[in-house]
Amino acid sequence: MEPSALPEPFLADIRRWQSRSGTVKINLALDRLPVFASHPGFDPQVHGGTIVLAESLDDIENAFQEAVNGRPSAKPFADICIPSVFNDSLAPAGHHVMSLFTQWVPCGYADAPDEAELAAYADRVTGRKEAVAPGFTGSVRHRQVIGPHQMQEEYGLVGGNIFHGELSLGQMYHARPAAGYADLRTPIRGLYQAGSATHGGGGVTGIPGAKSSGRSAPTAGPRAGVPRRAIMPDRAGDPGPPCSPPRRESASARRPPR
């Protein structure tokens, strides 16, 4: 779509859209379930739930600040699940798969990745898991590490951001993705937005799609037959701010999304 077809205030908001990310996704194939030192034995409430790897808020804040200053976190945060606990078709009998949402690495890795540092970061995540579940490292048969660069180049996520845009105060609620368009309309009649970059996102909630389809129904009639498409704003033309801002940012403003 040509920018000339859109009003300047809308374009200005979209051009300011930020989609930086320091998230790393790690997938593991295990030959057994982890045994936690604090809770030995299988427990579906533990192994089947969400496992958060973080010792304190300061722990999370320090991990964030290290990435802001251009270094992968020394003690990464991880949000972990083991889906094979409830779906045994995901792995051979007795084996399991583990999914880890981890943070942070520098957002610059989206365009200029450091594969050696990324691998070392993933090793530290495994080491933190080993500390609470002795023997865990020996259970890992295969590992897949997906950093911001791969998320951007292979999955089309600008900046490697899984939410299609930062979950910062200036990009949420009435301003997601632009002021006056949180109701999923666009400046183009009959064209609606849906997805993680719209109000109701980020995350996989289904809310934007449900709301968008409901709003688009009344436009049938005179314009019936006009295809309705979902769009995701991008940051074309916007160089964006540096990854290392001059002031100290707080992880509390960017709490680890689930």
C-alpha atoms as a PDB file:
ATOM      1  CA  MET A   1       0.000   0.000   0.000  1.00  0.00           C
ATOM      2  CA  GLU A   2       1.347   3.428  -0.934  1.00  0.00           C
ATOM      3  CA  PRO A   3       1.912   5.771   2.017  1.00  0.00           C
ATOM      4  CA  SER A   4       0.051   8.468   0.088  1.00  0.00           C
ATOM      5  CA  ALA A   5      -3.167   6.463   0.596  1.00  0.00           C
ATOM      6  CA  LEU A   6      -2.935   6.939   4.368  1.00  0.00           C
ATOM      7  CA  PRO A   7      -3.370  10.059   6.536  1.00  0.00           C
ATOM      8  CA  GLU A   8      -0.185  11.601   7.892  1.00  0.00           C
ATOM      9  CA  PRO A   9      -1.043  11.223  11.625  1.00  0.00           C
ATOM     10  CA  PHE A  10      -1.558   7.493  11.142  1.00  0.00           C
ATOM     11  CA  LEU A  11       1.684   7.199   9.156  1.00  0.00           C
ATOM     12  CA  ALA A  12       3.586   9.093  11.842  1.00  0.00           C
ATOM     13  CA  ASP A  13       2.446   6.640  14.515  1.00  0.00           C
ATOM     14  CA  ILE A  14       3.331   3.618  12.399  1.00  0.00           C
ATOM     15  CA  ARG A  15       6.744   5.031  11.519  1.00  0.00           C
ATOM     16  CA  ARG A  16       7.481   5.437  15.227  1.00  0.00           C
ATOM     17  CA  TRP A  17       6.505   1.833  15.936  1.00  0.00           C
ATOM     18  CA  GLN A  18       9.232  -0.049  17.791  1.00  0.00           C
ATOM     19  CA  SER A  19       9.801  -3.771  17.411  1.00  0.00           C
ATOM     20  CA  ARG A  20      13.045  -4.455  19.238  1.00  0.00           C
ATOM     21  CA  SER A  21      13.521  -7.725  21.101  1.00  0.00           C
ATOM     22  CA  GLY A  22      16.052  -9.576  23.214  1.00  0.00           C
ATOM     23  CA  THR A  23      14.116 -12.834  23.362  1.00  0.00           C
ATOM     24  CA  VAL A  24      15.692 -16.218  22.662  1.00  0.00           C
ATOM     25  CA  LYS A  25      13.568 -19.334  22.199  1.00  0.00           C
ATOM     26  CA  ILE A  26      15.191 -22.632  23.174  1.00  0.00           C
ATOM     27  CA  ASN A  27      13.692 -26.046  22.408  1.00  0.00           C
ATOM     28  CA  LEU A  28      15.110 -29.167  24.027  1.00  0.00           C
ATOM     29  CA  ALA A  29      14.649 -32.897  23.461  1.00  0.00           C
ATOM     30  CA  LEU A  30      15.065 -34.777  26.758  1.00  0.00           C
ATOM     31  CA  ASP A  31      15.485 -38.455  27.525  1.00  0.00           C
ATOM     32  CA  ARG A  32      13.723 -38.019  30.887  1.00  0.00           C
ATOM     33  CA  LEU A  33      11.869 -35.478  32.980  1.00  0.00           C
ATOM     34  CA  PRO A  34      13.893 -33.125  35.188  1.00  0.00           C
ATOM     35  CA  VAL A  35      14.016 -34.013  38.881  1.00  0.00           C
ATOM     36  CA  PHE A  36      13.842 -30.858  40.970  1.00  0.00           C
ATOM     37  CA  ALA A  37      15.889 -30.819  44.159  1.00  0.00           C
ATOM     38  CA  SER A  38      13.123 -28.926  45.948  1.00  0.00           C
ATOM     39  CA  HIS A  39      10.340 -31.193  44.722  1.00  0.00           C
ATOM     40  CA  PRO A  40      11.574 -34.694  43.802  1.00  0.00           C
ATOM     41  CA  GLY A  41       9.271 -37.076  41.982  1.00  0.00           C
ATOM     42  CA  PHE A  42       6.776 -36.506  39.205  1.00  0.00           C
ATOM     43  CA  ASP A  43       4.047 -33.979  39.899  1.00  0.00           C
ATOM     44  CA  PRO A  44       1.740 -32.853  37.060  1.00  0.00           C
ATOM     45  CA  GLN A  45       1.181 -29.580  38.927  1.00  0.00           C
ATOM     46  CA  VAL A  46       4.911 -28.902  38.610  1.00  0.00           C
ATOM     47  CA  HIS A  47       6.070 -30.659  35.452  1.00  0.00           C
ATOM     48  CA  GLY A  48       2.843 -29.852  33.635  1.00  0.00           C
ATOM     49  CA  GLY A  49       2.676 -26.206  34.627  1.00  0.00           C
ATOM     50  CA  THR A  50       4.711 -23.109  33.858  1.00  0.00           C
ATOM     51  CA  ILE A  51       8.186 -23.213  35.385  1.00  0.00           C
ATOM     52  CA  VAL A  52       9.789 -19.803  35.945  1.00  0.00           C
ATOM     53  CA  LEU A  53      13.557 -19.676  36.228  1.00  0.00           C
ATOM     54  CA  ALA A  54      14.314 -16.509  38.188  1.00  0.00           C
ATOM     55  CA  GLU A  55      15.474 -16.058  41.752  1.00  0.00           C
ATOM     56  CA  SER A  56      14.249 -12.492  42.354  1.00  0.00           C
ATOM     57  CA  LEU A  57      13.085  -9.271  40.717  1.00  0.00           C
ATOM     58  CA  ASP A  58      16.634  -7.965  41.023  1.00  0.00           C
ATOM     59  CA  ASP A  59      17.785 -11.064  39.153  1.00  0.00           C
ATOM     60  CA  ILE A  60      15.428 -10.208  36.277  1.00  0.00           C
ATOM     61  CA  GLU A  61      16.316  -6.497  36.342  1.00  0.00           C
ATOM     62  CA  ASN A  62      20.038  -7.213  36.172  1.00  0.00           C
ATOM     63  CA  ALA A  63      19.536  -9.586  33.257  1.00  0.00           C
ATOM     64  CA  PHE A  64      17.646  -6.865  31.388  1.00  0.00           C
ATOM     65  CA  GLN A  65      20.206  -4.151  32.121  1.00  0.00           C
ATOM     66  CA  GLU A  66      23.058  -6.321  30.861  1.00  0.00           C
ATOM     67  CA  ALA A  67      21.327  -6.683  27.505  1.00  0.00           C
ATOM     68  CA  VAL A  68      20.523  -2.953  27.352  1.00  0.00           C
ATOM     69  CA  ASN A  69      24.253  -2.368  27.739  1.00  0.00           C
ATOM     70  CA  GLY A  70      25.120  -4.723  24.905  1.00  0.00           C
ATOM     71  CA  ARG A  71      25.830  -7.996  26.705  1.00  0.00           C
ATOM     72  CA  PRO A  72      23.783 -11.209  26.797  1.00  0.00           C
ATOM     73  CA  SER A  73      22.440 -11.850  30.293  1.00  0.00           C
ATOM     74  CA  ALA A  74      24.801 -13.675  32.619  1.00  0.00           C
ATOM     75  CA  LYS A  75      21.813 -15.206  34.448  1.00  0.00           C
ATOM     76  CA  PRO A  76      19.008 -15.365  31.876  1.00  0.00           C
ATOM     77  CA  PHE A  77      15.348 -15.423  32.803  1.00  0.00           C
ATOM     78  CA  ALA A  78      13.372 -18.399  31.467  1.00  0.00           C
ATOM     79  CA  ASP A  79       9.678 -19.252  31.248  1.00  0.00           C
ATOM     80  CA  ILE A  80       9.494 -23.021  30.713  1.00  0.00           C
ATOM     81  CA  CYS A  81       6.911 -25.637  29.825  1.00  0.00           C
ATOM     82  CA  ILE A  82       7.051 -29.366  29.067  1.00  0.00           C
ATOM     83  CA  PRO A  83       4.074 -29.983  26.732  1.00  0.00           C
ATOM     84  CA  SER A  84       4.829 -33.683  26.362  1.00  0.00           C
ATOM     85  CA  VAL A  85       3.686 -34.206  29.956  1.00  0.00           C
ATOM     86  CA  PHE A  86       0.115 -33.991  28.668  1.00  0.00           C
ATOM     87  CA  ASN A  87       0.665 -34.909  25.019  1.00  0.00           C
ATOM     88  CA  ASP A  88       2.832 -38.004  24.729  1.00  0.00           C
ATOM     89  CA  SER A  89       2.669 -37.904  20.916  1.00  0.00           C
ATOM     90  CA  LEU A  90       5.286 -35.131  20.965  1.00  0.00           C
ATOM     91  CA  ALA A  91       8.157 -37.438  21.943  1.00  0.00           C
ATOM     92  CA  PRO A  92       9.101 -41.141  22.031  1.00  0.00           C
ATOM     93  CA  ALA A  93       7.989 -43.124  25.045  1.00  0.00           C
ATOM     94  CA  GLY A  94       9.790 -41.986  28.161  1.00  0.00           C
ATOM     95  CA  HIS A  95      11.202 -38.917  26.419  1.00  0.00           C
ATOM     96  CA  HIS A  96      10.044 -35.318  26.529  1.00  0.00           C
ATOM     97  CA  VAL A  97      10.266 -31.956  24.800  1.00  0.00           C
ATOM     98  CA  MET A  98      10.871 -28.735  26.685  1.00  0.00           C
ATOM     99  CA  SER A  99      10.084 -25.225  25.468  1.00  0.00           C
ATOM    100  CA  LEU A 100      11.943 -22.270  27.006  1.00  0.00           C
ATOM    101  CA  PHE A 101      11.082 -18.606  26.456  1.00  0.00           C
ATOM    102  CA  THR A 102      14.225 -16.792  27.630  1.00  0.00           C
ATOM    103  CA  GLN A 103      15.501 -13.225  27.986  1.00  0.00           C
ATOM    104  CA  TRP A 104      17.706 -11.233  27.324  1.00  0.00           C
ATOM    105  CA  VAL A 105      20.273 -10.738  24.593  1.00  0.00           C
ATOM    106  CA  PRO A 106      21.028  -7.364  22.940  1.00  0.00           C
ATOM    107  CA  CYS A 107      18.314  -6.279  20.510  1.00  0.00           C
ATOM    108  CA  GLY A 108      21.043  -5.636  17.931  1.00  0.00           C
ATOM    109  CA  TYR A 109      21.313  -9.403  17.478  1.00  0.00           C
ATOM    110  CA  ALA A 110      18.333  -9.176  15.118  1.00  0.00           C
ATOM    111  CA  ASP A 111      20.548  -7.613  12.437  1.00  0.00           C
ATOM    112  CA  ALA A 112      24.028  -8.569  13.651  1.00  0.00           C
ATOM    113  CA  PRO A 113      23.894 -11.857  15.563  1.00  0.00           C
ATOM    114  CA  ASP A 114      26.814 -13.266  17.521  1.00  0.00           C
ATOM    115  CA  GLU A 115      26.349 -17.016  17.210  1.00  0.00           C
ATOM    116  CA  ALA A 116      29.132 -17.889  19.653  1.00  0.00           C
ATOM    117  CA  GLU A 117      27.688 -15.603  22.338  1.00  0.00           C
ATOM    118  CA  LEU A 118      24.193 -16.933  21.620  1.00  0.00           C
ATOM    119  CA  ALA A 119      25.376 -20.512  22.142  1.00  0.00           C
ATOM    120  CA  ALA A 120      27.132 -19.522  25.380  1.00  0.00           C
ATOM    121  CA  TYR A 121      23.939 -17.791  26.532  1.00  0.00           C
ATOM    122  CA  ALA A 122      21.953 -20.989  25.869  1.00  0.00           C
ATOM    123  CA  ASP A 123      24.561 -22.928  27.858  1.00  0.00           C
ATOM    124  CA  ARG A 124      23.963 -20.577  30.796  1.00  0.00           C
ATOM    125  CA  VAL A 125      20.225 -21.202  30.599  1.00  0.00           C
ATOM    126  CA  THR A 126      20.902 -24.948  30.773  1.00  0.00           C
ATOM    127  CA  GLY A 127      23.290 -24.343  33.668  1.00  0.00           C
ATOM    128  CA  ARG A 128      20.622 -22.489  35.639  1.00  0.00           C
ATOM    129  CA  LYS A 129      18.273 -25.401  35.085  1.00  0.00           C
ATOM    130  CA  GLU A 130      20.975 -27.813  36.202  1.00  0.00           C
ATOM    131  CA  ALA A 131      21.321 -25.865  39.459  1.00  0.00           C
ATOM    132  CA  VAL A 132      17.705 -26.559  40.448  1.00  0.00           C
ATOM    133  CA  ALA A 133      17.408 -29.983  38.797  1.00  0.00           C
ATOM    134  CA  PRO A 134      20.734 -31.863  39.167  1.00  0.00           C
ATOM    135  CA  GLY A 135      21.424 -34.151  36.227  1.00  0.00           C
ATOM    136  CA  PHE A 136      19.355 -32.067  33.829  1.00  0.00           C
ATOM    137  CA  THR A 137      22.256 -31.309  31.474  1.00  0.00           C
ATOM    138  CA  GLY A 138      22.848 -35.015  30.931  1.00  0.00           C
ATOM    139  CA  SER A 139      19.214 -35.511  29.885  1.00  0.00           C
ATOM    140  CA  VAL A 140      19.461 -33.142  26.907  1.00  0.00           C
ATOM    141  CA  ARG A 141      19.655 -35.071  23.640  1.00  0.00           C
ATOM    142  CA  HIS A 142      19.099 -32.208  21.183  1.00  0.00           C
ATOM    143  CA  ARG A 143      18.932 -28.419  21.396  1.00  0.00           C
ATOM    144  CA  GLN A 144      17.494 -25.755  19.100  1.00  0.00           C
ATOM    145  CA  VAL A 145      18.344 -22.112  19.809  1.00  0.00           C
ATOM    146  CA  ILE A 146      16.310 -19.444  17.975  1.00  0.00           C
ATOM    147  CA  GLY A 147      17.603 -15.923  18.515  1.00  0.00           C
ATOM    148  CA  PRO A 148      16.286 -12.555  17.278  1.00  0.00           C
ATOM    149  CA  HIS A 149      18.068 -12.845  13.903  1.00  0.00           C
ATOM    150  CA  GLN A 150      16.495 -16.188  13.034  1.00  0.00           C
ATOM    151  CA  MET A 151      13.110 -14.987  14.267  1.00  0.00           C
ATOM    152  CA  GLN A 152      13.395 -12.020  11.939  1.00  0.00           C
ATOM    153  CA  GLU A 153      14.837 -13.719   8.869  1.00  0.00           C
ATOM    154  CA  GLU A 154      13.109 -17.108   9.024  1.00  0.00           C
ATOM    155  CA  TYR A 155       9.806 -16.249  10.694  1.00  0.00           C
ATOM    156  CA  GLY A 156       9.362 -12.680   9.439  1.00  0.00           C
ATOM    157  CA  LEU A 157       9.193 -11.130  12.922  1.00  0.00           C
ATOM    158  CA  VAL A 158      10.595  -7.614  12.559  1.00  0.00           C
ATOM    159  CA  GLY A 159      13.350  -7.132  15.109  1.00  0.00           C
ATOM    160  CA  GLY A 160      12.736 -10.693  16.296  1.00  0.00           C
ATOM    161  CA  ASN A 161       9.773  -9.455  18.324  1.00  0.00           C
ATOM    162  CA  ILE A 162       7.232 -12.248  18.823  1.00  0.00           C
ATOM    163  CA  PHE A 163       4.551  -9.688  19.710  1.00  0.00           C
ATOM    164  CA  HIS A 164       4.977  -7.777  16.411  1.00  0.00           C
ATOM    165  CA  GLY A 165       5.846  -4.699  18.484  1.00  0.00           C
ATOM    166  CA  GLU A 166       7.134  -3.828  21.935  1.00  0.00           C
ATOM    167  CA  LEU A 167       4.745  -4.054  24.870  1.00  0.00           C
ATOM    168  CA  SER A 168       5.692  -0.610  26.127  1.00  0.00           C
ATOM    169  CA  LEU A 169       3.203   1.914  27.506  1.00  0.00           C
ATOM    170  CA  GLY A 170       3.307   3.989  24.317  1.00  0.00           C
ATOM    171  CA  GLN A 171       2.347   0.963  22.232  1.00  0.00           C
ATOM    172  CA  MET A 172      -0.521  -0.494  24.232  1.00  0.00           C
ATOM    173  CA  TYR A 173      -4.244   0.050  24.738  1.00  0.00           C
ATOM    174  CA  HIS A 174      -5.543   2.986  22.646  1.00  0.00           C
ATOM    175  CA  ALA A 175      -2.157   3.376  20.928  1.00  0.00           C
ATOM    176  CA  ARG A 176      -1.841  -0.180  19.598  1.00  0.00           C
ATOM    177  CA  PRO A 177      -0.953   0.129  16.755  1.00  0.00           C
ATOM    178  CA  ALA A 178      -1.829   3.845  16.370  1.00  0.00           C
ATOM    179  CA  ALA A 179      -3.837   6.440  18.264  1.00  0.00           C
ATOM    180  CA  GLY A 180      -7.485   6.208  17.266  1.00  0.00           C
ATOM    181  CA  TYR A 181      -7.189   2.787  15.641  1.00  0.00           C
ATOM    182  CA  ALA A 182      -7.281   0.418  18.611  1.00  0.00           C
ATOM    183  CA  ASP A 183     -10.786  -0.558  17.474  1.00  0.00           C
ATOM    184  CA  LEU A 184      -9.084  -2.547  14.662  1.00  0.00           C
ATOM    185  CA  ARG A 185     -10.195  -0.237  11.860  1.00  0.00           C
ATOM    186  CA  THR A 186      -7.693   1.269   9.410  1.00  0.00           C
ATOM    187  CA  PRO A 187      -7.939   4.507   7.433  1.00  0.00           C
ATOM    188  CA  ILE A 188      -9.017   2.369   4.453  1.00  0.00           C
ATOM    189  CA  ARG A 189     -12.726   1.524   4.461  1.00  0.00           C
ATOM    190  CA  GLY A 190     -13.315  -2.228   4.656  1.00  0.00           C
ATOM    191  CA  LEU A 191      -9.721  -2.988   5.664  1.00  0.00           C
ATOM    192  CA  TYR A 192      -9.287  -4.206   9.246  1.00  0.00           C
ATOM    193  CA  GLN A 193      -6.327  -5.174  11.367  1.00  0.00           C
ATOM    194  CA  ALA A 194      -5.766  -8.264  13.482  1.00  0.00           C
ATOM    195  CA  GLY A 195      -2.811  -9.860  15.150  1.00  0.00           C
ATOM    196  CA  SER A 196      -0.408  -9.430  18.009  1.00  0.00           C
ATOM    197  CA  ALA A 197       0.418  -5.830  17.041  1.00  0.00           C
ATOM    198  CA  THR A 198      -3.182  -4.711  17.552  1.00  0.00           C
ATOM    199  CA  HIS A 199      -5.217  -4.027  20.688  1.00  0.00           C
ATOM    200  CA  GLY A 200      -5.812  -7.298  22.490  1.00  0.00           C
ATOM    201  CA  GLY A 201      -2.226  -8.293  21.723  1.00  0.00           C
ATOM    202  CA  GLY A 202       0.497  -9.182  22.170  1.00  0.00           C
ATOM    203  CA  GLY A 203       0.294 -12.826  22.693  1.00  0.00           C
ATOM    204  CA  VAL A 204      -1.856 -15.511  21.126  1.00  0.00           C
ATOM    205  CA  THR A 205      -5.259 -14.561  22.506  1.00  0.00           C
ATOM    206  CA  GLY A 206      -7.475 -14.654  19.409  1.00  0.00           C
ATOM    207  CA  ILE A 207      -9.098 -11.435  20.644  1.00  0.00           C
ATOM    208  CA  PRO A 208      -7.999  -9.157  17.769  1.00  0.00           C
ATOM    209  CA  GLY A 209      -9.230 -11.622  15.137  1.00  0.00           C
ATOM    210  CA  ALA A 210     -12.572 -12.124  16.850  1.00  0.00           C
ATOM    211  CA  LYS A 211     -13.091  -8.390  17.298  1.00  0.00           C
ATOM    212  CA  SER A 212     -11.956  -7.584  13.775  1.00  0.00           C
ATOM    213  CA  SER A 213     -14.286 -10.103  12.173  1.00  0.00           C
ATOM    214  CA  GLY A 214     -17.174  -8.739  14.215  1.00  0.00           C
ATOM    215  CA  ARG A 215     -16.470  -5.182  13.161  1.00  0.00           C
ATOM    216  CA  SER A 216     -15.990  -6.036   9.497  1.00  0.00           C
ATOM    217  CA  ALA A 217     -19.413  -7.675   9.107  1.00  0.00           C
ATOM    218  CA  PRO A 218     -21.412  -4.404   8.874  1.00  0.00           C
ATOM    219  CA  THR A 219     -19.293  -3.247   5.927  1.00  0.00           C
ATOM    220  CA  ALA A 220     -20.878  -5.894   3.687  1.00  0.00           C
ATOM    221  CA  GLY A 221     -23.519  -4.600   1.298  1.00  0.00           C
ATOM    222  CA  PRO A 222     -22.383  -1.827  -1.017  1.00  0.00           C
ATOM    223  CA  ARG A 223     -18.813  -3.112  -0.790  1.00  0.00           C
ATOM    224  CA  ALA A 224     -19.640  -6.820  -0.563  1.00  0.00           C
ATOM    225  CA  GLY A 225     -17.028  -8.923  -2.291  1.00  0.00           C
ATOM    226  CA  VAL A 226     -14.150  -6.607  -1.373  1.00  0.00           C
ATOM    227  CA  PRO A 227     -11.535  -8.915   0.171  1.00  0.00           C
ATOM    228  CA  ARG A 228     -10.789  -8.166   3.773  1.00  0.00           C
ATOM    229  CA  ARG A 229      -7.166  -8.519   4.722  1.00  0.00           C
ATOM    230  CA  ALA A 230      -5.328  -8.379   8.005  1.00  0.00           C
ATOM    231  CA  ILE A 231      -2.228  -6.200   8.154  1.00  0.00           C
ATOM    232  CA  MET A 232       0.602  -5.809  10.589  1.00  0.00           C
ATOM    233  CA  PRO A 233       2.220  -2.380  10.816  1.00  0.00           C
ATOM    234  CA  ASP A 234       5.919  -2.250  10.090  1.00  0.00           C
ATOM    235  CA  ARG A 235       8.594   0.265  10.875  1.00  0.00           C
ATOM    236  CA  ALA A 236       9.634   1.083   7.313  1.00  0.00           C
ATOM    237  CA  GLY A 237      11.408   4.403   7.139  1.00  0.00           C
ATOM    238  CA  ASP A 238      12.024   4.624  10.884  1.00  0.00           C
ATOM    239  CA  PRO A 239      15.630   4.122  12.004  1.00  0.00           C
ATOM    240  CA  GLY A 240      14.414   3.750  15.587  1.00  0.00           C
ATOM    241  CA  PRO A 241      16.314   4.622  18.759  1.00  0.00           C
ATOM    242  CA  PRO A 242      19.651   3.055  19.691  1.00  0.00           C
ATOM    243  CA  CYS A 243      19.495  -0.275  21.461  1.00  0.00           C
ATOM    244  CA  SER A 244      21.467   1.133  24.361  1.00  0.00           C
ATOM    245  CA  PRO A 245      19.456   4.172  25.524  1.00  0.00           C
ATOM    246  CA  PRO A 246      21.215   6.992  27.333  1.00  0.00           C
ATOM    247  CA  ARG A 247      19.044   6.544  30.406  1.00  0.00           C
ATOM    248  CA  ARG A 248      18.500   3.490  32.576  1.00  0.00           C
ATOM    249  CA  GLU A 249      15.373   1.612  31.611  1.00  0.00           C
ATOM    250  CA  SER A 250      13.483  -0.601  33.987  1.00  0.00           C
ATOM    251  CA  ALA A 251      12.554  -4.201  33.386  1.00  0.00           C
ATOM    252  CA  SER A 252       9.353  -3.498  35.310  1.00  0.00           C
ATOM    253  CA  ALA A 253       8.200  -1.531  32.266  1.00  0.00           C
ATOM    254  CA  ARG A 254       9.013  -4.521  30.108  1.00  0.00           C
ATOM    255  CA  ARG A 255       8.135  -7.392  32.354  1.00  0.00           C
ATOM    256  CA  PRO A 256       8.758 -10.812  30.796  1.00  0.00           C
ATOM    257  CA  PRO A 257       5.696 -11.490  28.632  1.00  0.00           C
ATOM    258  CA  ARG A 258       3.977 -14.838  28.769  1.00  0.00           C
END
